[in-house]
Amino acid sequence: GCIIICALTAYLLGNLNGAVSIAALLEKDDIRKRGSGNAGLTNFLRSYGGWKTLLVVLMDMGKAVIACLFGRYMFQNLGYGLEGAMLAAVAVSLGHDFPALLGFRGGKGILSGWFIAWSIDWRIGLAIAIVFFVTYFLTKYVSLGSVLAALTFAVCFAVFHYDNLLVMTGGIFMGLLTLFMHRKNFIRLLKGQESKTDLFAKKNKQ
């Protein structure tokens, strides 16, 4: 019962997509019909820019952290707090990437994944931050930073949690899922067709 409640609650939390919600509320627009068509932070930033982007960050960050805390709380008394957090993490990721309430067209999970990592193991959150931002500042490719961050996510869970099969498997699964969601970006990077993004500009051009 706890497993179903935890997974379902976290999955539904994942359906609360920051880019889709803020675009609909403040721009009266569907982010999935703008720019790249992706319901994520980068496309929102390119399409609208400005302070509203911060609301997207807060929403996707919040749902990831709340889901992990809820999962930990549900299983803490049974002695499986970490496993509960990972169960919720996987469910919220699936909810973000494949939201039933949004026709299964969600984001790619890099932002929520990063805060999932912070929530479960701060060392992995830190490693992802270093890899992503170093890659981004050197190349200006958000997608390359995201791909390498997803790899770091999977590898770090394998290294730091090799003694906990459930946590390790969940971490590897989420890292590979994020890589899968970025498969088109990866192909464009290989072909030299990927767009660069200035994350700190007030307004990005399409």
C-alpha atoms as a PDB file:
ATOM      1  CA  GLY A   1       0.000   0.000   0.000  1.00  0.00           C
ATOM      2  CA  CYS A   2       2.747   2.460   0.943  1.00  0.00           C
ATOM      3  CA  ILE A   3       4.607   1.705  -2.278  1.00  0.00           C
ATOM      4  CA  ILE A   4       1.550   2.437  -4.457  1.00  0.00           C
ATOM      5  CA  ILE A   5       0.636   5.627  -2.548  1.00  0.00           C
ATOM      6  CA  CYS A   6       4.230   6.871  -2.678  1.00  0.00           C
ATOM      7  CA  ALA A   7       4.723   6.091  -6.381  1.00  0.00           C
ATOM      8  CA  LEU A   8       1.358   7.492  -7.475  1.00  0.00           C
ATOM      9  CA  THR A   9       1.698  10.698  -5.446  1.00  0.00           C
ATOM     10  CA  ALA A  10       5.215  11.308  -6.778  1.00  0.00           C
ATOM     11  CA  TYR A  11       4.136  10.530 -10.356  1.00  0.00           C
ATOM     12  CA  LEU A  12       1.273  13.041 -10.139  1.00  0.00           C
ATOM     13  CA  LEU A  13       3.660  15.626  -8.669  1.00  0.00           C
ATOM     14  CA  GLY A  14       5.864  15.037 -11.714  1.00  0.00           C
ATOM     15  CA  ASN A  15       2.920  15.971 -13.941  1.00  0.00           C
ATOM     16  CA  LEU A  16       3.143  19.534 -12.585  1.00  0.00           C
ATOM     17  CA  ASN A  17       5.463  20.739 -15.346  1.00  0.00           C
ATOM     18  CA  GLY A  18       6.998  24.134 -14.612  1.00  0.00           C
ATOM     19  CA  ALA A  19       7.456  25.267 -18.222  1.00  0.00           C
ATOM     20  CA  VAL A  20       3.957  24.180 -19.292  1.00  0.00           C
ATOM     21  CA  SER A  21       2.265  25.633 -16.199  1.00  0.00           C
ATOM     22  CA  ILE A  22       4.011  29.031 -16.172  1.00  0.00           C
ATOM     23  CA  ALA A  23       3.619  29.464 -19.955  1.00  0.00           C
ATOM     24  CA  ALA A  24      -0.099  28.676 -19.679  1.00  0.00           C
ATOM     25  CA  LEU A  25      -0.685  30.897 -16.625  1.00  0.00           C
ATOM     26  CA  LEU A  26       1.440  33.932 -17.491  1.00  0.00           C
ATOM     27  CA  GLU A  27       1.817  33.802 -21.279  1.00  0.00           C
ATOM     28  CA  LYS A  28      -1.519  32.129 -22.149  1.00  0.00           C
ATOM     29  CA  ASP A  29       0.529  29.925 -24.447  1.00  0.00           C
ATOM     30  CA  ASP A  30       1.532  26.282 -24.913  1.00  0.00           C
ATOM     31  CA  ILE A  31       5.314  26.031 -24.588  1.00  0.00           C
ATOM     32  CA  ARG A  32       5.182  22.805 -26.614  1.00  0.00           C
ATOM     33  CA  LYS A  33       4.144  24.819 -29.671  1.00  0.00           C
ATOM     34  CA  ARG A  34       7.090  27.207 -29.350  1.00  0.00           C
ATOM     35  CA  GLY A  35      10.752  26.836 -30.257  1.00  0.00           C
ATOM     36  CA  SER A  36      11.978  23.254 -30.002  1.00  0.00           C
ATOM     37  CA  GLY A  37       8.577  22.067 -28.760  1.00  0.00           C
ATOM     38  CA  ASN A  38      10.113  20.718 -25.568  1.00  0.00           C
ATOM     39  CA  ALA A  39       8.391  21.362 -22.240  1.00  0.00           C
ATOM     40  CA  GLY A  40      11.614  22.253 -20.456  1.00  0.00           C
ATOM     41  CA  LEU A  41      13.600  25.128 -18.992  1.00  0.00           C
ATOM     42  CA  THR A  42      15.857  25.804 -22.008  1.00  0.00           C
ATOM     43  CA  ASN A  43      12.958  26.130 -24.443  1.00  0.00           C
ATOM     44  CA  PHE A  44      11.075  28.338 -21.980  1.00  0.00           C
ATOM     45  CA  LEU A  45      14.130  30.572 -21.598  1.00  0.00           C
ATOM     46  CA  ARG A  46      14.563  30.875 -25.360  1.00  0.00           C
ATOM     47  CA  SER A  47      10.865  31.491 -25.945  1.00  0.00           C
ATOM     48  CA  TYR A  48      10.043  33.967 -23.171  1.00  0.00           C
ATOM     49  CA  GLY A  49      13.153  34.738 -21.126  1.00  0.00           C
ATOM     50  CA  GLY A  50      13.029  37.005 -18.099  1.00  0.00           C
ATOM     51  CA  TRP A  51      12.079  36.469 -14.474  1.00  0.00           C
ATOM     52  CA  LYS A  52       9.361  33.956 -15.334  1.00  0.00           C
ATOM     53  CA  THR A  53      12.114  31.427 -16.009  1.00  0.00           C
ATOM     54  CA  LEU A  54      12.879  31.471 -12.280  1.00  0.00           C
ATOM     55  CA  LEU A  55       9.315  30.311 -11.579  1.00  0.00           C
ATOM     56  CA  VAL A  56       9.887  27.311 -13.864  1.00  0.00           C
ATOM     57  CA  VAL A  57      13.063  26.465 -11.925  1.00  0.00           C
ATOM     58  CA  LEU A  58      11.279  26.782  -8.572  1.00  0.00           C
ATOM     59  CA  MET A  59       8.364  24.611  -9.694  1.00  0.00           C
ATOM     60  CA  ASP A  60      10.463  21.789 -11.147  1.00  0.00           C
ATOM     61  CA  MET A  61      12.866  21.979  -8.214  1.00  0.00           C
ATOM     62  CA  GLY A  62      10.031  22.000  -5.688  1.00  0.00           C
ATOM     63  CA  LYS A  63       8.187  18.968  -7.018  1.00  0.00           C
ATOM     64  CA  ALA A  64      11.397  16.904  -7.109  1.00  0.00           C
ATOM     65  CA  VAL A  65      12.399  17.797  -3.549  1.00  0.00           C
ATOM     66  CA  ILE A  66       8.854  17.373  -2.168  1.00  0.00           C
ATOM     67  CA  ALA A  67       8.502  13.952  -3.840  1.00  0.00           C
ATOM     68  CA  CYS A  68      11.812  12.710  -2.393  1.00  0.00           C
ATOM     69  CA  LEU A  69      11.007  14.039   1.078  1.00  0.00           C
ATOM     70  CA  PHE A  70       7.561  12.428   0.910  1.00  0.00           C
ATOM     71  CA  GLY A  71       9.067   9.081  -0.118  1.00  0.00           C
ATOM     72  CA  ARG A  72      11.629   9.268   2.670  1.00  0.00           C
ATOM     73  CA  TYR A  73       8.923  10.144   5.213  1.00  0.00           C
ATOM     74  CA  MET A  74       6.674   7.273   4.071  1.00  0.00           C
ATOM     75  CA  PHE A  75       9.356   4.615   4.578  1.00  0.00           C
ATOM     76  CA  GLN A  76      11.543   6.139   7.309  1.00  0.00           C
ATOM     77  CA  ASN A  77       9.848   4.254  10.155  1.00  0.00           C
ATOM     78  CA  LEU A  78      10.323   0.966   8.297  1.00  0.00           C
ATOM     79  CA  GLY A  79      14.042   1.623   8.043  1.00  0.00           C
ATOM     80  CA  TYR A  80      13.931   2.247   4.288  1.00  0.00           C
ATOM     81  CA  GLY A  81      14.047   6.045   4.083  1.00  0.00           C
ATOM     82  CA  LEU A  82      16.654   6.147   1.316  1.00  0.00           C
ATOM     83  CA  GLU A  83      14.846   3.498  -0.713  1.00  0.00           C
ATOM     84  CA  GLY A  84      11.563   5.385  -0.271  1.00  0.00           C
ATOM     85  CA  ALA A  85      13.183   8.584  -1.527  1.00  0.00           C
ATOM     86  CA  MET A  86      14.500   6.702  -4.577  1.00  0.00           C
ATOM     87  CA  LEU A  87      11.098   5.159  -5.325  1.00  0.00           C
ATOM     88  CA  ALA A  88       9.548   8.633  -5.273  1.00  0.00           C
ATOM     89  CA  ALA A  89      12.442   9.996  -7.347  1.00  0.00           C
ATOM     90  CA  VAL A  90      11.895   7.457 -10.127  1.00  0.00           C
ATOM     91  CA  ALA A  91       8.127   8.075 -10.066  1.00  0.00           C
ATOM     92  CA  VAL A  92       8.431  11.875 -10.169  1.00  0.00           C
ATOM     93  CA  SER A  93      10.918  11.570 -13.056  1.00  0.00           C
ATOM     94  CA  LEU A  94       8.508   9.408 -15.033  1.00  0.00           C
ATOM     95  CA  GLY A  95       5.739  11.887 -14.236  1.00  0.00           C
ATOM     96  CA  HIS A  96       7.869  14.768 -15.509  1.00  0.00           C
ATOM     97  CA  ASP A  97       9.009  13.023 -18.708  1.00  0.00           C
ATOM     98  CA  PHE A  98       5.741  11.217 -19.496  1.00  0.00           C
ATOM     99  CA  PRO A  99       2.916  13.168 -17.798  1.00  0.00           C
ATOM    100  CA  ALA A 100      -0.467  11.462 -18.247  1.00  0.00           C
ATOM    101  CA  LEU A 101      -2.240  14.761 -17.490  1.00  0.00           C
ATOM    102  CA  LEU A 102      -0.367  16.478 -20.361  1.00  0.00           C
ATOM    103  CA  GLY A 103      -0.792  13.824 -23.032  1.00  0.00           C
ATOM    104  CA  PHE A 104       2.519  12.175 -22.075  1.00  0.00           C
ATOM    105  CA  ARG A 105       4.472  15.109 -23.578  1.00  0.00           C
ATOM    106  CA  GLY A 106       6.722  16.379 -20.822  1.00  0.00           C
ATOM    107  CA  GLY A 107      10.255  17.645 -20.301  1.00  0.00           C
ATOM    108  CA  LYS A 108      13.594  15.854 -20.372  1.00  0.00           C
ATOM    109  CA  GLY A 109      14.158  15.780 -16.639  1.00  0.00           C
ATOM    110  CA  ILE A 110      17.554  17.422 -16.248  1.00  0.00           C
ATOM    111  CA  LEU A 111      16.517  20.149 -13.787  1.00  0.00           C
ATOM    112  CA  SER A 112      14.252  17.948 -11.667  1.00  0.00           C
ATOM    113  CA  GLY A 113      16.893  15.198 -11.859  1.00  0.00           C
ATOM    114  CA  TRP A 114      19.535  17.541 -10.488  1.00  0.00           C
ATOM    115  CA  PHE A 115      17.408  18.377  -7.435  1.00  0.00           C
ATOM    116  CA  ILE A 116      16.539  14.708  -6.998  1.00  0.00           C
ATOM    117  CA  ALA A 117      20.282  14.084  -6.738  1.00  0.00           C
ATOM    118  CA  TRP A 118      20.658  16.839  -4.112  1.00  0.00           C
ATOM    119  CA  SER A 119      17.746  15.356  -2.163  1.00  0.00           C
ATOM    120  CA  ILE A 120      19.133  11.819  -2.096  1.00  0.00           C
ATOM    121  CA  ASP A 121      22.916  12.341  -1.972  1.00  0.00           C
ATOM    122  CA  TRP A 122      24.441  15.840  -1.942  1.00  0.00           C
ATOM    123  CA  ARG A 123      27.739  14.494  -3.336  1.00  0.00           C
ATOM    124  CA  ILE A 124      25.983  13.472  -6.536  1.00  0.00           C
ATOM    125  CA  GLY A 125      24.170  16.820  -6.762  1.00  0.00           C
ATOM    126  CA  LEU A 126      27.527  18.579  -6.452  1.00  0.00           C
ATOM    127  CA  ALA A 127      29.198  16.331  -9.050  1.00  0.00           C
ATOM    128  CA  ILE A 128      26.371  16.986 -11.531  1.00  0.00           C
ATOM    129  CA  ALA A 129      26.604  20.749 -10.943  1.00  0.00           C
ATOM    130  CA  ILE A 130      30.359  20.774 -11.623  1.00  0.00           C
ATOM    131  CA  VAL A 131      30.083  18.653 -14.779  1.00  0.00           C
ATOM    132  CA  PHE A 132      27.128  20.594 -16.180  1.00  0.00           C
ATOM    133  CA  PHE A 133      28.391  24.115 -15.539  1.00  0.00           C
ATOM    134  CA  VAL A 134      31.997  23.448 -16.606  1.00  0.00           C
ATOM    135  CA  THR A 135      30.719  21.878 -19.845  1.00  0.00           C
ATOM    136  CA  TYR A 136      28.242  24.696 -20.414  1.00  0.00           C
ATOM    137  CA  PHE A 137      30.709  27.526 -19.791  1.00  0.00           C
ATOM    138  CA  LEU A 138      33.277  25.904 -22.096  1.00  0.00           C
ATOM    139  CA  THR A 139      30.865  25.114 -24.944  1.00  0.00           C
ATOM    140  CA  LYS A 140      27.581  27.084 -24.393  1.00  0.00           C
ATOM    141  CA  TYR A 141      25.740  23.842 -25.235  1.00  0.00           C
ATOM    142  CA  VAL A 142      23.076  23.188 -22.584  1.00  0.00           C
ATOM    143  CA  SER A 143      22.316  19.802 -24.142  1.00  0.00           C
ATOM    144  CA  LEU A 144      25.952  18.635 -23.981  1.00  0.00           C
ATOM    145  CA  GLY A 145      26.090  19.651 -20.320  1.00  0.00           C
ATOM    146  CA  SER A 146      22.805  17.789 -19.779  1.00  0.00           C
ATOM    147  CA  VAL A 147      24.027  14.603 -21.492  1.00  0.00           C
ATOM    148  CA  LEU A 148      27.255  14.572 -19.447  1.00  0.00           C
ATOM    149  CA  ALA A 149      25.296  15.410 -16.274  1.00  0.00           C
ATOM    150  CA  ALA A 150      22.993  12.431 -16.903  1.00  0.00           C
ATOM    151  CA  LEU A 151      26.023  10.173 -17.351  1.00  0.00           C
ATOM    152  CA  THR A 152      27.485  11.560 -14.115  1.00  0.00           C
ATOM    153  CA  PHE A 153      24.161  10.878 -12.364  1.00  0.00           C
ATOM    154  CA  ALA A 154      24.196   7.203 -13.394  1.00  0.00           C
ATOM    155  CA  VAL A 155      27.898   6.652 -12.692  1.00  0.00           C
ATOM    156  CA  CYS A 156      27.813   8.364  -9.280  1.00  0.00           C
ATOM    157  CA  PHE A 157      24.875   6.267  -8.087  1.00  0.00           C
ATOM    158  CA  ALA A 158      26.740   3.150  -9.227  1.00  0.00           C
ATOM    159  CA  VAL A 159      29.882   4.277  -7.355  1.00  0.00           C
ATOM    160  CA  PHE A 160      28.382   5.715  -4.158  1.00  0.00           C
ATOM    161  CA  HIS A 161      25.492   3.263  -3.722  1.00  0.00           C
ATOM    162  CA  TYR A 162      26.889  -0.016  -5.082  1.00  0.00           C
ATOM    163  CA  ASP A 163      25.983  -1.619  -1.737  1.00  0.00           C
ATOM    164  CA  ASN A 164      22.276  -0.794  -2.102  1.00  0.00           C
ATOM    165  CA  LEU A 165      20.875  -2.491  -5.183  1.00  0.00           C
ATOM    166  CA  LEU A 166      17.563  -0.620  -5.199  1.00  0.00           C
ATOM    167  CA  VAL A 167      19.100   2.835  -4.852  1.00  0.00           C
ATOM    168  CA  MET A 168      21.883   2.069  -7.340  1.00  0.00           C
ATOM    169  CA  THR A 169      19.464   0.647  -9.921  1.00  0.00           C
ATOM    170  CA  GLY A 170      17.061   3.573  -9.525  1.00  0.00           C
ATOM    171  CA  GLY A 171      19.892   6.066 -10.005  1.00  0.00           C
ATOM    172  CA  ILE A 172      21.252   4.304 -13.086  1.00  0.00           C
ATOM    173  CA  PHE A 173      17.736   4.050 -14.535  1.00  0.00           C
ATOM    174  CA  MET A 174      17.099   7.787 -14.104  1.00  0.00           C
ATOM    175  CA  GLY A 175      20.470   8.686 -15.617  1.00  0.00           C
ATOM    176  CA  LEU A 176      19.812   6.463 -18.645  1.00  0.00           C
ATOM    177  CA  LEU A 177      16.249   7.807 -18.953  1.00  0.00           C
ATOM    178  CA  THR A 178      17.591  11.367 -19.130  1.00  0.00           C
ATOM    179  CA  LEU A 179      20.110  10.276 -21.785  1.00  0.00           C
ATOM    180  CA  PHE A 180      17.260   8.694 -23.751  1.00  0.00           C
ATOM    181  CA  MET A 181      15.210  11.903 -23.512  1.00  0.00           C
ATOM    182  CA  HIS A 182      18.187  13.827 -24.949  1.00  0.00           C
ATOM    183  CA  ARG A 183      18.795  11.416 -27.854  1.00  0.00           C
ATOM    184  CA  LYS A 184      17.787  13.959 -30.538  1.00  0.00           C
ATOM    185  CA  ASN A 185      20.045  16.609 -28.990  1.00  0.00           C
ATOM    186  CA  PHE A 186      22.904  14.101 -29.003  1.00  0.00           C
ATOM    187  CA  ILE A 187      22.417  13.400 -32.724  1.00  0.00           C
ATOM    188  CA  ARG A 188      22.306  17.144 -33.472  1.00  0.00           C
ATOM    189  CA  LEU A 189      25.489  17.652 -31.437  1.00  0.00           C
ATOM    190  CA  LEU A 190      27.253  14.959 -33.465  1.00  0.00           C
ATOM    191  CA  LYS A 191      26.089  16.612 -36.687  1.00  0.00           C
ATOM    192  CA  GLY A 192      27.060  20.087 -35.473  1.00  0.00           C
ATOM    193  CA  GLN A 193      23.449  21.272 -35.728  1.00  0.00           C
ATOM    194  CA  GLU A 194      22.701  21.931 -32.050  1.00  0.00           C
ATOM    195  CA  SER A 195      21.881  25.493 -30.926  1.00  0.00           C
ATOM    196  CA  LYS A 196      23.956  27.257 -28.301  1.00  0.00           C
ATOM    197  CA  THR A 197      22.122  29.000 -25.447  1.00  0.00           C
ATOM    198  CA  ASP A 198      23.014  31.935 -23.235  1.00  0.00           C
ATOM    199  CA  LEU A 199      21.422  30.939 -19.931  1.00  0.00           C
ATOM    200  CA  PHE A 200      22.123  34.333 -18.431  1.00  0.00           C
ATOM    201  CA  ALA A 201      20.773  36.584 -21.175  1.00  0.00           C
ATOM    202  CA  LYS A 202      17.621  38.557 -20.443  1.00  0.00           C
ATOM    203  CA  LYS A 203      16.009  37.317 -23.639  1.00  0.00           C
ATOM    204  CA  ASN A 204      17.198  34.631 -26.011  1.00  0.00           C
ATOM    205  CA  LYS A 205      16.463  34.653 -29.697  1.00  0.00           C
ATOM    206  CA  GLN A 206      14.968  31.576 -31.310  1.00  0.00           C
END
